């Protein structure tokens, strides 16, 4: 077998990049969205995500396109992840501290992991459970740190908790389109989300921002919601929904550091301890080695692939030299190699 990057390392790195971009967006949304309504804030964020998705359309032909059958899933993703989630977060950020809100977003990983286990049957072995527990323990310490500092406002945090539930549902639903063109998924989701929240902002009579805050929120949306979602979808291809969601739980720590860098308040020992626990959880994910003999049942699907992974054995005339996408058939196969719960490894344990 050719030398290939470990699927857990590749997926973990992509999930960590997505977490960093999204984590930094939370304190920035609070700063630039001050005085704005939640619908107009969400509209600008997803307009930015749609713009960056448009700029990335070049060279997307190697990816599998969205299908008509994906429409119900995409609409549910828009409702949960592009309307309810960002609106609840924007509303909550006006009523609590940026660090507190960032840290509570750790709950998103819990909902994602549980839903991925229930909906897709993704295996959560001892190492993964330990990693999730470390990340959650770190998040709990960070929330405790905020509580002791008097920074927790209950109503705002309840709204942020609603956002975590919505994004947990969105994350799990997105696993079903992770093999599709990520740029197309981001574009459709962001464009629909921006359209719906814009209409709600107009109907609600919310104020619109001045030029500088508007441009800032567009930029935050492009990176923290557009590029972050793209990397998240690519991580799910290699890593599965549960593990991607667990590593993504590092986003609250990044957000808390961002809030501190913006001058919200000084750090503390609890913040450092929580960050260390979360970092340990991520390391466990990145060094995961899951290998055993397993059987692949016959399968027909479409996604971008190459022919050097010992899974795509169908022929071409001539044989492509790089990544390409087309409907293809997998014959039954039994072998052993390191793997993660991607589209080809959904077997039970």
Protein backbone atom coordinates (compact mmCIF):
# COMPACT_ATOMS: atom_id res chain seq x y z
CA UNK A 1 0.00 0.00 0.00
CA UNK A 2 1.32 3.45 -0.86
CA UNK A 3 2.36 5.78 1.93
CA UNK A 4 -0.64 7.85 2.91
CA UNK A 5 -1.37 10.29 5.70
CA UNK A 6 -3.27 8.64 8.55
CA UNK A 7 -7.01 9.31 8.19
CA UNK A 8 -7.21 10.28 11.87
CA UNK A 9 -4.29 12.70 11.55
CA UNK A 10 -5.68 14.24 8.36
CA UNK A 11 -9.20 14.48 9.75
CA UNK A 12 -8.01 15.78 13.11
CA UNK A 13 -5.87 18.49 11.53
CA UNK A 14 -8.77 19.67 9.34
CA UNK A 15 -11.16 19.65 12.31
CA UNK A 16 -8.65 21.62 14.38
CA UNK A 17 -8.31 24.21 11.61
CA UNK A 18 -12.10 24.50 11.39
CA UNK A 19 -12.29 24.88 15.17
CA UNK A 20 -9.67 27.65 15.20
CA UNK A 21 -11.47 29.70 12.53
CA UNK A 22 -14.87 29.29 14.18
CA UNK A 23 -13.55 29.85 17.68
CA UNK A 24 -11.99 33.18 16.75
CA UNK A 25 -15.27 34.30 15.18
CA UNK A 26 -17.26 34.28 18.45
CA UNK A 27 -15.59 37.23 20.24
CA UNK A 28 -15.39 39.10 16.92
CA UNK A 29 -19.12 38.67 16.34
CA UNK A 30 -19.75 40.07 19.80
CA UNK A 31 -17.54 43.09 19.13
CA UNK A 32 -18.73 44.00 15.63
CA UNK A 33 -22.34 42.94 16.17
CA UNK A 34 -22.85 45.22 19.16
CA UNK A 35 -26.16 47.05 18.88
CA UNK A 36 -27.36 44.93 15.95
CA UNK A 37 -30.26 42.51 15.86
CA UNK A 38 -29.59 38.77 15.79
CA UNK A 39 -31.16 38.27 12.35
CA UNK A 40 -29.12 41.00 10.65
CA UNK A 41 -25.95 39.72 12.31
CA UNK A 42 -26.61 36.18 11.09
CA UNK A 43 -27.45 37.48 7.61
CA UNK A 44 -24.09 39.26 7.30
CA UNK A 45 -22.18 36.24 8.60
CA UNK A 46 -23.70 33.87 6.07
CA UNK A 47 -23.47 36.42 3.27
CA UNK A 48 -19.72 36.40 3.91
CA UNK A 49 -19.69 32.61 3.88
CA UNK A 50 -21.55 32.60 0.54
CA UNK A 51 -19.09 35.08 -0.97
CA UNK A 52 -16.04 32.99 -0.06
CA UNK A 53 -17.77 29.86 -1.39
CA UNK A 54 -18.35 31.64 -4.72
CA UNK A 55 -14.67 32.56 -4.95
CA UNK A 56 -13.73 28.90 -4.43
CA UNK A 57 -15.89 27.46 -7.19
CA UNK A 58 -12.97 27.30 -9.67
CA UNK A 59 -11.64 23.77 -10.03
CA UNK A 60 -14.60 22.16 -8.30
CA UNK A 61 -15.28 19.79 -11.21
CA UNK A 62 -13.43 16.89 -9.58
CA UNK A 63 -15.97 16.80 -6.73
CA UNK A 64 -19.30 14.97 -6.66
CA UNK A 65 -22.14 17.51 -7.13
CA UNK A 66 -25.19 17.84 -4.93
CA UNK A 67 -28.25 15.85 -5.95
CA UNK A 68 -31.95 16.62 -5.84
CA UNK A 69 -32.31 13.97 -3.14
CA UNK A 70 -30.02 16.05 -0.88
CA UNK A 71 -32.57 18.91 -0.75
CA UNK A 72 -34.45 17.84 2.44
CA UNK A 73 -31.17 17.36 4.33
CA UNK A 74 -29.83 20.72 3.13
CA UNK A 75 -33.03 22.53 4.14
CA UNK A 76 -32.81 20.97 7.60
CA UNK A 77 -29.14 22.03 7.81
CA UNK A 78 -30.09 25.59 6.84
CA UNK A 79 -32.87 25.74 9.45
CA UNK A 80 -30.70 24.36 12.25
CA UNK A 81 -27.24 25.63 11.38
CA UNK A 82 -27.77 28.81 9.37
CA UNK A 83 -30.85 30.25 11.07
CA UNK A 84 -31.49 28.91 14.60
CA UNK A 85 -27.80 28.47 15.56
CA UNK A 86 -26.34 31.85 14.54
CA UNK A 87 -29.45 33.82 15.56
CA UNK A 88 -29.46 32.24 19.03
CA UNK A 89 -25.71 32.84 19.36
CA UNK A 90 -25.97 36.48 18.22
CA UNK A 91 -28.82 37.09 20.67
CA UNK A 92 -26.96 35.40 23.52
CA UNK A 93 -23.72 37.30 22.83
CA UNK A 94 -25.55 40.54 23.54
CA UNK A 95 -26.42 39.24 27.02
CA UNK A 96 -23.27 37.47 28.24
CA UNK A 97 -19.50 37.72 27.98
CA UNK A 98 -17.71 36.54 24.85
CA UNK A 99 -15.51 34.16 26.85
CA UNK A 100 -18.51 32.60 28.63
CA UNK A 101 -20.36 32.09 25.36
CA UNK A 102 -17.28 30.65 23.65
CA UNK A 103 -16.75 28.14 26.44
CA UNK A 104 -20.36 26.96 26.56
CA UNK A 105 -20.06 26.03 22.88
CA UNK A 106 -18.17 22.95 24.12
CA UNK A 107 -21.61 21.34 24.49
CA UNK A 108 -21.83 21.20 20.70
CA UNK A 109 -19.36 18.31 20.73
CA UNK A 110 -21.56 16.30 23.11
CA UNK A 111 -24.66 16.61 20.95
CA UNK A 112 -22.68 15.86 17.77
CA UNK A 113 -21.00 12.74 19.20
CA UNK A 114 -24.24 11.33 20.64
CA UNK A 115 -26.20 11.97 17.44
CA UNK A 116 -23.44 10.48 15.26
CA UNK A 117 -23.44 7.36 17.44
CA UNK A 118 -27.22 7.05 17.26
CA UNK A 119 -27.79 8.02 13.61
CA UNK A 120 -24.71 6.57 11.91
CA UNK A 121 -23.57 3.93 14.36
CA UNK A 122 -20.07 5.45 14.57
CA UNK A 123 -17.90 3.49 16.96
CA UNK A 124 -16.73 5.33 20.08
CA UNK A 125 -13.95 3.22 21.59
CA UNK A 126 -12.20 3.82 24.89
CA UNK A 127 -9.64 6.24 23.47
CA UNK A 128 -12.31 8.35 21.77
CA UNK A 129 -14.50 8.39 24.88
CA UNK A 130 -11.50 9.46 26.96
CA UNK A 131 -10.70 12.24 24.49
CA UNK A 132 -14.31 13.48 24.57
CA UNK A 133 -14.28 13.36 28.38
CA UNK A 134 -11.05 15.39 28.53
CA UNK A 135 -12.44 18.01 26.18
CA UNK A 136 -15.66 18.28 28.17
CA UNK A 137 -13.80 18.42 31.49
CA UNK A 138 -11.67 21.21 30.10
CA UNK A 139 -14.77 23.06 28.96
CA UNK A 140 -16.38 22.62 32.38
CA UNK A 141 -13.31 24.17 34.06
CA UNK A 142 -13.46 27.11 31.70
CA UNK A 143 -17.15 27.72 32.39
CA UNK A 144 -16.43 27.42 36.14
CA UNK A 145 -13.68 30.00 35.72
CA UNK A 146 -16.16 32.40 34.16
CA UNK A 147 -18.74 31.72 36.85
CA UNK A 148 -16.30 32.45 39.67
CA UNK A 149 -15.40 35.70 37.93
CA UNK A 150 -19.04 36.76 37.82
CA UNK A 151 -19.12 36.72 34.00
CA UNK A 152 -22.01 34.29 33.52
CA UNK A 153 -25.38 35.78 32.59
CA UNK A 154 -27.92 32.97 32.60
CA UNK A 155 -30.34 34.19 29.92
CA UNK A 156 -27.57 34.81 27.40
CA UNK A 157 -25.97 31.44 28.12
CA UNK A 158 -29.31 29.66 27.66
CA UNK A 159 -29.52 31.18 24.18
CA UNK A 160 -25.98 30.01 23.45
CA UNK A 161 -26.97 26.52 24.67
CA UNK A 162 -29.83 26.53 22.12
CA UNK A 163 -27.23 27.36 19.46
CA UNK A 164 -25.11 24.36 20.50
CA UNK A 165 -28.10 22.01 20.13
CA UNK A 166 -28.89 23.46 16.70
CA UNK A 167 -25.30 23.15 15.51
CA UNK A 168 -25.04 19.62 16.92
CA UNK A 169 -27.99 18.63 14.72
CA UNK A 170 -26.47 20.54 11.78
CA UNK A 171 -23.08 18.84 12.24
CA UNK A 172 -24.65 15.39 12.26
CA UNK A 173 -26.85 16.10 9.25
CA UNK A 174 -23.84 17.41 7.31
CA UNK A 175 -22.21 13.96 7.51
CA UNK A 176 -24.69 12.87 4.83
CA UNK A 177 -23.32 15.42 2.33
CA UNK A 178 -19.65 15.32 3.36
CA UNK A 179 -18.81 13.37 0.18
CA UNK A 180 -20.38 16.06 -2.02
CA UNK A 181 -18.54 19.12 -3.33
CA UNK A 182 -17.83 21.07 -0.10
CA UNK A 183 -17.83 24.41 -1.92
CA UNK A 184 -21.29 23.70 -3.32
CA UNK A 185 -22.60 22.64 0.09
CA UNK A 186 -21.23 25.81 1.72
CA UNK A 187 -22.63 28.00 -1.06
CA UNK A 188 -26.14 26.55 -0.94
CA UNK A 189 -26.32 26.54 2.85
CA UNK A 190 -24.87 30.03 3.22
CA UNK A 191 -26.95 31.60 0.45
CA UNK A 192 -30.19 30.14 1.80
CA UNK A 193 -29.26 31.04 5.37
CA UNK A 194 -28.43 34.64 4.39
CA UNK A 195 -31.68 34.95 2.42
CA UNK A 196 -33.87 33.68 5.25
CA UNK A 197 -32.22 35.76 7.97
CA UNK A 198 -32.25 38.88 5.77
CA UNK A 199 -35.98 38.48 5.23
CA UNK A 200 -36.51 38.01 8.98
CA UNK A 201 -34.36 41.06 9.78
CA UNK A 202 -36.41 43.20 7.40
CA UNK A 203 -39.68 41.86 8.76
CA UNK A 204 -38.51 42.51 12.33
CA UNK A 205 -37.32 46.00 11.48
CA UNK A 206 -33.81 45.42 12.80
CA UNK A 207 -31.19 48.16 12.34
CA UNK A 208 -28.41 47.59 9.81
CA UNK A 209 -24.80 48.37 10.68
CA UNK A 210 -22.50 51.08 9.42
CA UNK A 211 -20.11 50.17 6.61
CA UNK A 212 -17.10 49.19 8.75
CA UNK A 213 -18.96 46.78 11.10
CA UNK A 214 -20.79 45.30 8.10
CA UNK A 215 -17.52 44.62 6.27
CA UNK A 216 -16.03 43.17 9.45
CA UNK A 217 -18.97 40.77 9.93
CA UNK A 218 -18.76 39.74 6.26
CA UNK A 219 -15.06 38.91 6.77
CA UNK A 220 -15.80 37.01 9.99
CA UNK A 221 -18.52 35.05 8.17
CA UNK A 222 -16.18 34.24 5.27
CA UNK A 223 -13.57 32.69 7.56
CA UNK A 224 -15.43 31.54 10.67
CA UNK A 225 -18.52 30.22 8.88
CA UNK A 226 -17.50 29.68 5.23
CA UNK A 227 -13.95 28.33 5.32
CA UNK A 228 -14.59 26.69 8.70
CA UNK A 229 -17.54 24.73 7.32
CA UNK A 230 -15.52 23.66 4.29
CA UNK A 231 -12.74 22.26 6.48
CA UNK A 232 -15.34 20.68 8.79
CA UNK A 233 -16.92 18.78 5.89
CA UNK A 234 -13.52 17.60 4.66
CA UNK A 235 -12.67 16.44 8.19
CA UNK A 236 -15.88 14.41 8.34
CA UNK A 237 -14.83 12.56 5.18
CA UNK A 238 -11.71 11.23 6.89
CA UNK A 239 -12.73 11.29 10.51
CA UNK A 240 -16.48 10.76 10.87
CA UNK A 241 -19.02 13.06 12.53
CA UNK A 242 -18.37 12.15 16.18
CA UNK A 243 -14.59 12.60 16.12
CA UNK A 244 -14.79 15.78 14.05
CA UNK A 245 -17.29 17.22 16.50
CA UNK A 246 -15.09 16.26 19.44
CA UNK A 247 -11.95 17.97 18.07
CA UNK A 248 -14.14 20.92 17.10
CA UNK A 249 -14.81 21.32 20.82
CA UNK A 250 -11.42 23.08 20.94
CA UNK A 251 -13.13 26.09 19.31
CA UNK A 252 -14.43 27.43 22.67
CA UNK A 253 -10.90 27.58 24.08
CA UNK A 254 -9.72 29.45 20.97
CA UNK A 255 -12.70 31.79 21.36
CA UNK A 256 -11.92 32.39 25.04
CA UNK A 257 -8.32 33.24 24.19
CA UNK A 258 -9.58 35.56 21.48
CA UNK A 259 -11.88 37.32 23.94
CA UNK A 260 -8.98 37.76 26.35
CA UNK A 261 -6.79 39.11 23.55
CA UNK A 262 -9.47 41.69 22.81
CA UNK A 263 -9.18 42.88 26.40
CA UNK A 264 -12.22 41.26 28.00
CA UNK A 265 -10.42 40.18 31.19
CA UNK A 266 -7.19 38.58 32.43
CA UNK A 267 -6.54 34.86 32.38
CA UNK A 268 -6.53 32.50 35.34
CA UNK A 269 -5.26 29.13 36.50
CA UNK A 270 -8.60 27.47 35.71
CA UNK A 271 -8.45 28.77 32.15
CA UNK A 272 -4.96 27.33 31.72
CA UNK A 273 -5.95 23.99 33.29
CA UNK A 274 -9.03 23.73 31.08
CA UNK A 275 -7.00 24.47 27.99
CA UNK A 276 -4.46 21.78 28.92
CA UNK A 277 -7.20 19.17 29.35
CA UNK A 278 -8.69 20.08 25.98
CA UNK A 279 -5.28 19.94 24.31
CA UNK A 280 -4.74 16.45 25.79
CA UNK A 281 -8.08 15.33 24.35
CA UNK A 282 -7.10 16.55 20.89
CA UNK A 283 -3.75 14.75 21.07
CA UNK A 284 -5.59 11.50 21.88
CA UNK A 285 -7.67 11.96 18.74
CA UNK A 286 -4.70 12.72 16.53
CA UNK A 287 -2.74 9.63 17.61
CA UNK A 288 -5.70 7.25 17.38
CA UNK A 289 -4.81 4.02 15.53
CA UNK A 290 -7.81 1.89 14.68
CA UNK A 291 -7.04 -1.19 12.59
CA UNK A 292 -8.58 -4.66 12.34
CA UNK A 293 -9.81 -7.08 9.71
CA UNK A 294 -13.14 -5.84 8.34
CA UNK A 295 -15.49 -6.58 5.48
CA UNK A 296 -16.80 -4.13 2.91
CA UNK A 297 -20.23 -4.96 1.53
CA UNK A 298 -21.13 -4.19 -2.09
CA UNK A 299 -21.68 -0.44 -2.47
CA UNK A 300 -22.58 2.02 -5.20
CA UNK A 301 -21.95 5.73 -4.61
CA UNK A 302 -20.25 8.84 -5.97
CA UNK A 303 -17.49 10.96 -4.46
CA UNK A 304 -14.02 12.26 -5.25
CA UNK A 305 -11.43 9.47 -5.04
CA UNK A 306 -8.08 8.17 -6.26
CA UNK A 307 -6.92 4.64 -7.07
CA UNK A 308 -4.05 4.25 -4.61
CA UNK A 309 -6.07 3.48 -1.47
CA UNK A 310 -6.83 -0.24 -2.06
CA UNK A 311 -10.57 0.53 -1.99
CA UNK A 312 -11.23 1.89 -5.47
CA UNK A 313 -10.32 -1.05 -7.66
CA UNK A 314 -12.54 -0.33 -10.67
CA UNK A 315 -10.88 0.24 -14.02
CA UNK A 316 -10.66 3.21 -16.39
CA UNK A 317 -9.52 3.52 -19.99
CA UNK A 318 -7.29 5.44 -19.66
CA UNK A 319 -6.64 5.41 -15.92
CA UNK A 320 -6.87 8.91 -14.31
CA UNK A 321 -3.73 10.13 -12.56
CA UNK A 322 -5.35 12.30 -9.88
CA UNK A 323 -8.53 12.84 -7.88
CA UNK A 324 -11.74 12.47 -9.86
CA UNK A 325 -15.42 11.82 -9.23
CA UNK A 326 -18.05 9.63 -10.90
CA UNK A 327 -20.60 6.99 -9.84
CA UNK A 328 -18.73 3.76 -9.14
CA UNK A 329 -19.24 0.28 -7.70
CA UNK A 330 -17.41 -1.40 -4.82
CA UNK A 331 -17.36 -5.21 -4.86
CA UNK A 332 -17.33 -7.06 -1.51
CA UNK A 333 -13.87 -6.96 0.04
CA UNK A 334 -12.23 -8.14 3.25
CA UNK A 335 -8.89 -6.68 4.42
CA UNK A 336 -7.14 -5.00 7.35
CA UNK A 337 -5.66 -1.51 7.57
CA UNK A 338 -5.88 1.64 9.75
CA UNK A 339 -9.20 3.39 9.16
CA UNK A 340 -11.71 5.83 10.59
CA UNK A 341 -15.52 5.97 10.24
CA UNK A 342 -15.59 7.45 6.74
CA UNK A 343 -17.97 6.61 3.89
CA UNK A 344 -16.26 3.25 3.30
CA UNK A 345 -16.01 2.17 6.94
CA UNK A 346 -19.47 2.10 8.48
CA UNK A 347 -19.20 -1.46 9.75
CA UNK A 348 -20.29 -2.35 13.26
CA UNK A 349 -17.92 -3.32 16.06
